[in-house]
């Protein structure tokens, strides 16, 4: 495989990762958890493609050091951008989780309070039924 083809393959794989990460962020925002899982599964599969594209220049004896350096520099730049996108998605997930935990705690308190109101205002009818048996 030629160095240019290797670089092109790496660019394609990193661009696909970027696209999937962006879609994953949108799915997180809308709460479409099936889509989040689908995007994460596809990214997991894409890891092998990226690793393969990164390993090829090192394994190619005729590739110049300049090609190695250029490929790694481009990959480093793209990876920094992808890390920022992944961090944004992690932050979105943390916000959603925090919000849902707060809602759950509020609902739990409400349920406990309603149980207290029920106990305070409802008559225990069990004693009356025993007198008629």
N, C-alpha and C. Protein backbone atom coordinates (compact mmCIF):
# COMPACT_ATOMS: atom_id res chain seq x y z
N UNK A 1 0.86 -1.17 0.00
CA UNK A 1 0.00 0.00 0.00
C UNK A 1 0.90 1.23 0.00
N UNK A 2 0.59 2.20 -0.83
CA UNK A 2 1.42 3.40 -0.92
C UNK A 2 1.19 4.30 0.28
N UNK A 3 2.20 5.14 0.62
CA UNK A 3 2.04 6.05 1.76
C UNK A 3 0.84 6.98 1.61
N UNK A 4 0.59 7.45 0.37
CA UNK A 4 -0.55 8.34 0.17
C UNK A 4 -1.87 7.62 0.44
N UNK A 5 -1.95 6.37 0.02
CA UNK A 5 -3.16 5.59 0.26
C UNK A 5 -3.33 5.34 1.75
N UNK A 6 -2.24 5.08 2.44
CA UNK A 6 -2.29 4.87 3.87
C UNK A 6 -2.80 6.12 4.58
N UNK A 7 -2.26 7.27 4.21
CA UNK A 7 -2.69 8.53 4.80
C UNK A 7 -4.16 8.80 4.50
N UNK A 8 -4.55 8.52 3.27
CA UNK A 8 -5.96 8.70 2.88
C UNK A 8 -6.86 7.80 3.71
N UNK A 9 -6.44 6.56 3.90
CA UNK A 9 -7.23 5.62 4.70
C UNK A 9 -7.36 6.10 6.14
N UNK A 10 -6.27 6.61 6.70
CA UNK A 10 -6.30 7.14 8.05
C UNK A 10 -7.22 8.35 8.14
N UNK A 11 -7.11 9.25 7.18
CA UNK A 11 -7.99 10.43 7.17
C UNK A 11 -9.45 10.01 7.10
N UNK A 12 -9.75 9.02 6.25
CA UNK A 12 -11.12 8.56 6.10
C UNK A 12 -11.64 7.98 7.43
N UNK A 13 -10.83 7.17 8.08
CA UNK A 13 -11.25 6.55 9.33
C UNK A 13 -11.45 7.61 10.42
N UNK A 14 -10.55 8.57 10.51
CA UNK A 14 -10.68 9.62 11.52
C UNK A 14 -11.89 10.52 11.23
N UNK A 15 -12.14 10.80 9.95
CA UNK A 15 -13.31 11.60 9.59
C UNK A 15 -14.60 10.87 9.95
N UNK A 16 -14.60 9.55 9.74
CA UNK A 16 -15.79 8.75 10.11
C UNK A 16 -15.98 8.77 11.62
N UNK A 17 -14.89 8.68 12.36
CA UNK A 17 -14.99 8.74 13.83
C UNK A 17 -15.58 10.09 14.25
N UNK A 18 -15.11 11.15 13.60
CA UNK A 18 -15.62 12.49 13.92
C UNK A 18 -17.12 12.58 13.64
N UNK A 19 -17.54 12.05 12.49
CA UNK A 19 -18.95 12.07 12.11
C UNK A 19 -19.78 11.29 13.13
N UNK A 20 -19.32 10.11 13.50
CA UNK A 20 -20.05 9.29 14.47
C UNK A 20 -20.10 9.96 15.84
N UNK A 21 -19.03 10.62 16.24
CA UNK A 21 -19.00 11.30 17.53
C UNK A 21 -19.98 12.48 17.55
N UNK A 22 -20.06 13.18 16.44
CA UNK A 22 -21.01 14.29 16.33
C UNK A 22 -22.45 13.76 16.41
N UNK A 23 -22.72 12.68 15.68
CA UNK A 23 -24.05 12.08 15.74
C UNK A 23 -24.37 11.53 17.12
N UNK A 24 -23.36 10.98 17.76
CA UNK A 24 -23.54 10.47 19.12
C UNK A 24 -23.93 11.62 20.06
N UNK A 25 -23.28 12.77 19.92
CA UNK A 25 -23.61 13.94 20.74
C UNK A 25 -25.05 14.39 20.53
N UNK A 26 -25.49 14.37 19.28
CA UNK A 26 -26.87 14.74 19.00
C UNK A 26 -27.84 13.75 19.62
N UNK A 27 -27.50 12.47 19.56
CA UNK A 27 -28.36 11.44 20.15
C UNK A 27 -28.41 11.58 21.67
N UNK A 28 -27.29 11.94 22.28
CA UNK A 28 -27.27 12.17 23.73
C UNK A 28 -28.20 13.33 24.09
N UNK A 29 -28.12 14.40 23.32
CA UNK A 29 -28.96 15.57 23.60
C UNK A 29 -30.44 15.25 23.49
N UNK A 30 -30.81 14.41 22.54
CA UNK A 30 -32.23 14.08 22.36
C UNK A 30 -32.65 12.88 23.21
N UNK A 31 -31.69 12.23 23.87
CA UNK A 31 -32.03 11.09 24.72
C UNK A 31 -32.32 9.83 23.93
N UNK A 32 -31.79 9.72 22.71
CA UNK A 32 -31.98 8.54 21.89
C UNK A 32 -30.87 7.54 22.20
N UNK A 33 -31.07 6.76 23.26
CA UNK A 33 -30.00 5.91 23.79
C UNK A 33 -29.67 4.75 22.86
N UNK A 34 -30.62 4.30 22.06
CA UNK A 34 -30.32 3.24 21.09
C UNK A 34 -29.33 3.76 20.05
N UNK A 35 -29.55 4.99 19.59
CA UNK A 35 -28.63 5.58 18.62
C UNK A 35 -27.25 5.78 19.24
N UNK A 36 -27.20 6.20 20.50
CA UNK A 36 -25.92 6.36 21.20
C UNK A 36 -25.18 5.03 21.18
N UNK A 37 -25.87 3.96 21.54
CA UNK A 37 -25.25 2.63 21.57
C UNK A 37 -24.79 2.20 20.18
N UNK A 38 -25.59 2.49 19.17
CA UNK A 38 -25.22 2.13 17.80
C UNK A 38 -23.95 2.87 17.35
N UNK A 39 -23.89 4.16 17.65
CA UNK A 39 -22.71 4.95 17.26
C UNK A 39 -21.46 4.46 18.01
N UNK A 40 -21.63 4.14 19.28
CA UNK A 40 -20.48 3.65 20.05
C UNK A 40 -20.01 2.29 19.53
N UNK A 41 -20.93 1.44 19.14
CA UNK A 41 -20.55 0.13 18.59
C UNK A 41 -19.79 0.32 17.28
N UNK A 42 -20.25 1.23 16.44
CA UNK A 42 -19.57 1.47 15.16
C UNK A 42 -18.18 2.05 15.41
N UNK A 43 -18.05 2.94 16.39
CA UNK A 43 -16.73 3.50 16.71
C UNK A 43 -15.79 2.43 17.25
N UNK A 44 -16.34 1.51 17.98
CA UNK A 44 -15.53 0.40 18.48
C UNK A 44 -14.96 -0.42 17.31
N UNK A 45 -15.77 -0.66 16.31
CA UNK A 45 -15.30 -1.38 15.12
C UNK A 45 -14.27 -0.56 14.35
N UNK A 46 -14.44 0.74 14.35
CA UNK A 46 -13.56 1.64 13.61
C UNK A 46 -12.17 1.72 14.24
N UNK A 47 -12.05 1.41 15.50
CA UNK A 47 -10.74 1.45 16.17
C UNK A 47 -9.72 0.57 15.46
N UNK A 48 -10.14 -0.60 15.03
CA UNK A 48 -9.23 -1.52 14.33
C UNK A 48 -8.76 -0.91 13.02
N UNK A 49 -9.66 -0.26 12.29
CA UNK A 49 -9.29 0.39 11.03
C UNK A 49 -8.26 1.49 11.26
N UNK A 50 -8.46 2.27 12.30
CA UNK A 50 -7.54 3.36 12.61
C UNK A 50 -6.17 2.80 13.01
N UNK A 51 -6.18 1.80 13.85
CA UNK A 51 -4.92 1.20 14.28
C UNK A 51 -4.18 0.60 13.09
N UNK A 52 -4.90 -0.06 12.21
CA UNK A 52 -4.29 -0.64 11.01
C UNK A 52 -3.67 0.45 10.13
N UNK A 53 -4.40 1.53 9.94
CA UNK A 53 -3.89 2.64 9.11
C UNK A 53 -2.67 3.28 9.75
N UNK A 54 -2.63 3.35 11.08
CA UNK A 54 -1.47 3.92 11.77
C UNK A 54 -0.26 2.99 11.71
N UNK A 55 -0.50 1.69 11.75
CA UNK A 55 0.60 0.72 11.73
C UNK A 55 1.22 0.54 10.35
N UNK A 56 0.46 0.76 9.30
CA UNK A 56 0.98 0.52 7.95
C UNK A 56 2.22 1.34 7.60
N UNK A 57 2.25 2.64 7.87
CA UNK A 57 3.47 3.38 7.49
C UNK A 57 4.71 2.86 8.23
N UNK A 58 4.54 2.43 9.45
CA UNK A 58 5.69 1.91 10.20
C UNK A 58 6.16 0.58 9.62
N UNK A 59 5.23 -0.20 9.06
CA UNK A 59 5.56 -1.52 8.54
C UNK A 59 6.05 -1.47 7.09
N UNK A 60 5.89 -0.35 6.43
CA UNK A 60 6.28 -0.23 5.03
C UNK A 60 7.73 0.18 4.93
N UNK A 61 8.59 -0.68 4.38
CA UNK A 61 10.02 -0.37 4.35
C UNK A 61 10.38 0.81 3.45
N UNK A 62 9.60 1.06 2.41
CA UNK A 62 9.97 2.12 1.48
C UNK A 62 9.41 3.49 1.86
N UNK A 63 8.65 3.56 2.92
CA UNK A 63 8.09 4.84 3.36
C UNK A 63 9.19 5.68 3.99
N UNK A 64 9.24 6.94 3.62
CA UNK A 64 10.28 7.83 4.14
C UNK A 64 9.92 8.32 5.54
N UNK A 65 10.92 8.74 6.29
CA UNK A 65 10.64 9.30 7.62
C UNK A 65 9.72 10.52 7.54
N UNK A 66 9.80 11.23 6.42
CA UNK A 66 8.94 12.40 6.24
C UNK A 66 7.47 11.97 6.19
N UNK A 67 7.19 10.85 5.52
CA UNK A 67 5.82 10.35 5.44
C UNK A 67 5.34 9.94 6.83
N UNK A 68 6.22 9.26 7.58
CA UNK A 68 5.86 8.88 8.95
C UNK A 68 5.50 10.12 9.77
N UNK A 69 6.36 11.13 9.71
CA UNK A 69 6.14 12.34 10.50
C UNK A 69 4.89 13.08 10.08
N UNK A 70 4.65 13.18 8.78
CA UNK A 70 3.46 13.88 8.29
C UNK A 70 2.19 13.15 8.72
N UNK A 71 2.20 11.83 8.58
CA UNK A 71 1.02 11.04 8.97
C UNK A 71 0.75 11.18 10.46
N UNK A 72 1.80 11.11 11.27
CA UNK A 72 1.61 11.22 12.71
C UNK A 72 1.17 12.62 13.12
N UNK A 73 1.70 13.66 12.46
CA UNK A 73 1.29 15.03 12.78
C UNK A 73 -0.19 15.23 12.45
N UNK A 74 -0.61 14.77 11.28
CA UNK A 74 -2.03 14.89 10.91
C UNK A 74 -2.91 14.09 11.87
N UNK A 75 -2.47 12.90 12.21
CA UNK A 75 -3.24 12.07 13.12
C UNK A 75 -3.32 12.72 14.50
N UNK A 76 -2.22 13.28 14.98
CA UNK A 76 -2.22 13.94 16.29
C UNK A 76 -3.22 15.09 16.33
N UNK A 77 -3.24 15.87 15.28
CA UNK A 77 -4.16 17.01 15.22
C UNK A 77 -5.61 16.52 15.22
N UNK A 78 -5.88 15.52 14.40
CA UNK A 78 -7.25 14.99 14.33
C UNK A 78 -7.64 14.35 15.66
N UNK A 79 -6.72 13.65 16.28
CA UNK A 79 -7.02 12.99 17.55
C UNK A 79 -7.31 14.01 18.64
N UNK A 80 -6.57 15.11 18.66
CA UNK A 80 -6.86 16.16 19.66
C UNK A 80 -8.28 16.69 19.48
N UNK A 81 -8.69 16.90 18.23
CA UNK A 81 -10.05 17.36 17.97
C UNK A 81 -11.07 16.30 18.41
N UNK A 82 -10.78 15.04 18.13
CA UNK A 82 -11.70 13.97 18.52
C UNK A 82 -11.80 13.84 20.04
N UNK A 83 -10.68 14.02 20.72
CA UNK A 83 -10.71 13.96 22.18
C UNK A 83 -11.60 15.08 22.73
N UNK A 84 -11.52 16.26 22.14
CA UNK A 84 -12.36 17.38 22.57
C UNK A 84 -13.85 17.05 22.35
N UNK A 85 -14.16 16.44 21.20
CA UNK A 85 -15.56 16.06 20.92
C UNK A 85 -16.03 14.98 21.89
N UNK A 86 -15.17 14.00 22.16
CA UNK A 86 -15.53 12.94 23.10
C UNK A 86 -15.74 13.51 24.50
N UNK A 87 -14.92 14.49 24.89
CA UNK A 87 -15.08 15.12 26.20
C UNK A 87 -16.40 15.89 26.27
N UNK A 88 -16.75 16.55 25.18
CA UNK A 88 -18.04 17.25 25.14
C UNK A 88 -19.19 16.27 25.33
N UNK A 89 -19.10 15.11 24.66
CA UNK A 89 -20.15 14.09 24.82
C UNK A 89 -20.19 13.56 26.25
N UNK A 90 -19.02 13.37 26.84
CA UNK A 90 -18.98 12.91 28.24
C UNK A 90 -19.61 13.95 29.16
N UNK A 91 -19.35 15.22 28.89
CA UNK A 91 -19.96 16.29 29.70
C UNK A 91 -21.48 16.30 29.54
N UNK A 92 -21.95 16.11 28.29
CA UNK A 92 -23.40 16.04 28.05
C UNK A 92 -24.02 14.88 28.83
N UNK A 93 -23.36 13.73 28.80
CA UNK A 93 -23.85 12.57 29.54
C UNK A 93 -23.89 12.84 31.04
N UNK A 94 -22.85 13.49 31.55
CA UNK A 94 -22.79 13.80 32.98
C UNK A 94 -23.93 14.75 33.36
N UNK A 95 -24.21 15.73 32.51
CA UNK A 95 -25.31 16.66 32.78
C UNK A 95 -26.65 15.93 32.78
N UNK A 96 -26.86 15.07 31.78
CA UNK A 96 -28.12 14.31 31.71
C UNK A 96 -28.26 13.41 32.94
N UNK A 97 -27.18 12.74 33.30
CA UNK A 97 -27.23 11.84 34.45
C UNK A 97 -27.56 12.62 35.73
N UNK A 98 -26.91 13.74 35.92
CA UNK A 98 -27.15 14.56 37.10
C UNK A 98 -28.60 15.02 37.15
N UNK A 99 -29.12 15.45 36.02
CA UNK A 99 -30.51 15.91 35.95
C UNK A 99 -31.47 14.76 36.28
N UNK A 100 -31.21 13.58 35.72
CA UNK A 100 -32.08 12.43 35.98
C UNK A 100 -31.98 11.97 37.43
N UNK A 101 -30.81 12.04 38.01
CA UNK A 101 -30.67 11.67 39.42
C UNK A 101 -31.44 12.64 40.31
N UNK A 102 -31.38 13.92 39.98
CA UNK A 102 -32.13 14.92 40.76
C UNK A 102 -33.63 14.69 40.63
N UNK A 103 -34.10 14.39 39.42
CA UNK A 103 -35.52 14.10 39.22
C UNK A 103 -35.93 12.85 39.99
N UNK A 104 -35.10 11.83 39.96
CA UNK A 104 -35.39 10.59 40.67
C UNK A 104 -35.46 10.83 42.18
N UNK A 105 -34.54 11.62 42.70
CA UNK A 105 -34.55 11.93 44.14
C UNK A 105 -35.82 12.71 44.50
N UNK A 106 -36.22 13.62 43.65
CA UNK A 106 -37.44 14.41 43.89
C UNK A 106 -38.67 13.50 43.88
N UNK A 107 -38.73 12.59 42.92
CA UNK A 107 -39.85 11.66 42.85
C UNK A 107 -39.88 10.73 44.07
N UNK A 108 -38.73 10.31 44.52
CA UNK A 108 -38.65 9.46 45.71
C UNK A 108 -39.17 10.19 46.94
N UNK A 109 -38.78 11.47 47.09
CA UNK A 109 -39.28 12.28 48.21
C UNK A 109 -40.79 12.46 48.11
N UNK A 110 -41.27 12.72 46.92
CA UNK A 110 -42.71 12.91 46.72
C UNK A 110 -43.48 11.64 47.07
N UNK A 111 -42.97 10.51 46.65
CA UNK A 111 -43.62 9.24 46.96
C UNK A 111 -43.63 8.99 48.47
N UNK A 112 -42.54 9.28 49.12
CA UNK A 112 -42.47 9.12 50.58
C UNK A 112 -43.45 10.07 51.27
N UNK A 113 -43.53 11.31 50.80
CA UNK A 113 -44.46 12.29 51.39
C UNK A 113 -45.91 11.86 51.18
N UNK A 114 -46.22 11.36 50.00
CA UNK A 114 -47.59 10.89 49.74
C UNK A 114 -47.95 9.71 50.64
N UNK A 115 -46.98 8.85 50.89
CA UNK A 115 -47.22 7.74 51.82
C UNK A 115 -47.52 8.26 53.21
N UNK A 116 -46.82 9.29 53.64
CA UNK A 116 -47.07 9.89 54.95
C UNK A 116 -48.44 10.52 55.02
N UNK A 117 -48.84 11.23 53.97
CA UNK A 117 -50.17 11.84 53.92
C UNK A 117 -51.24 10.75 53.99
N UNK A 118 -51.04 9.69 53.24
CA UNK A 118 -52.01 8.59 53.23
C UNK A 118 -52.14 7.98 54.62
N UNK A 119 -51.03 7.76 55.28
CA UNK A 119 -51.09 7.19 56.63
C UNK A 119 -51.75 8.15 57.61
N UNK A 120 -51.52 9.46 57.41
CA UNK A 120 -52.08 10.44 58.35
C UNK A 120 -53.58 10.63 58.18
N UNK A 121 -54.09 10.55 56.95
CA UNK A 121 -55.49 10.88 56.71
C UNK A 121 -56.39 9.70 56.37
N UNK A 122 -55.83 8.57 56.10
CA UNK A 122 -56.67 7.41 55.77
C UNK A 122 -56.96 6.64 57.04
N UNK A 123 -58.20 6.22 57.19
CA UNK A 123 -58.62 5.45 58.35
C UNK A 123 -58.22 4.01 58.12
N UNK A 124 -57.73 3.39 59.17
CA UNK A 124 -57.39 1.98 59.08
C UNK A 124 -58.68 1.18 59.15
N UNK A 125 -59.09 0.61 58.05
CA UNK A 125 -60.38 -0.08 57.98
C UNK A 125 -60.28 -1.54 58.42
N UNK A 126 -59.12 -2.00 58.65
CA UNK A 126 -58.95 -3.40 59.03
C UNK A 126 -59.70 -3.74 60.31
N UNK A 127 -59.71 -2.86 61.30
CA UNK A 127 -60.39 -3.13 62.58
C UNK A 127 -61.89 -3.23 62.38
N UNK A 128 -62.48 -2.44 61.53
CA UNK A 128 -63.93 -2.48 61.30
C UNK A 128 -64.35 -3.79 60.65
N UNK A 129 -63.56 -4.26 59.75
CA UNK A 129 -63.92 -5.49 59.06
C UNK A 129 -63.89 -6.68 60.01
N UNK A 130 -63.01 -6.63 60.99
CA UNK A 130 -62.93 -7.74 61.91
C UNK A 130 -64.21 -7.84 62.76
N UNK A 131 -64.84 -6.70 63.02
CA UNK A 131 -66.04 -6.76 63.87
C UNK A 131 -67.25 -7.34 63.15
N UNK A 132 -67.20 -7.40 61.82
CA UNK A 132 -68.32 -7.94 61.07
C UNK A 132 -68.12 -9.40 60.69
N UNK A 133 -67.01 -9.96 61.02
CA UNK A 133 -66.78 -11.34 60.58
C UNK A 133 -67.35 -12.37 61.52
